Amino acid sequence: MKIAIVLNSPNKIDSVLENNVIYTDGGYKNKRYLSNKKTVAVVGDFDTLKKIPKEENVIKLEKEKDFTDGERAVIFAKELGAEEISIYGATGGRIEHVFGNVALLKLASKLSLKAKIIEKDCKIFLCTNEQSFLVKKNTTISLIPYTDECLVSESKGLYYPLKNLTLTKSDTRGISNYSTYENVYLNISKGELLVIINSK
């Protein structure tokens, strides 16, 4: 099962790929744009929305808690039996929320969930081992280590090839590469890599 998680964001979210949607608190304001989708649940402490949607399946959280609404939504998606999630509304807000929302990709990985962040201007996912993905030619792709070190053994389809290259958190070498083919391949033999595909 695939589930969309719609977070609170200053940007309007009027399109999701999945049929099943979990909203988190203020993200619920986007339901009117997604009326053709099934609302699985609304998760949050509702300090943003300022009301509890009575007609929905609500996962009510305490305001004083040790995790974000988004974190609980990811865990709830796993509890429902999801195998894959897409997270919407992860960028555009306060910078600490953006970092926290990106961390949801790591949480999903720990829960054996395939996950990605989807925005109108980019897609973000966590890459380990071998992975291929389709993009348009000349798409800007940035590769950012999520662990202290990340060894890229091989890449295909990138203008600046990566072969037996160790990327660390203290360098910016992986920023603003771009695709030369529609099929990009990465082989990560150590660590984890954030892949950011820009659609602008």
Foldseek 3Di string as FASTA:
>chain_A
DEEEEFEAAPDADQDDDDQEYEYEQNSCVNCVSVVNHHYQEYFYCNPPVVDDPPVGHYHHDHPDDDAHSVLVVLVVCVVVPAQEYEYERLDHDDPVSNVNSLCSLVVCVVSNHAYWYDDPFKIKHKDAFKDKDFDDFFWWKAKAFPDQKWFWCWKPFKPDTHHRDIDGNPDRVRGGIGGHDRMMMIGIPDGMIMMMTTDD
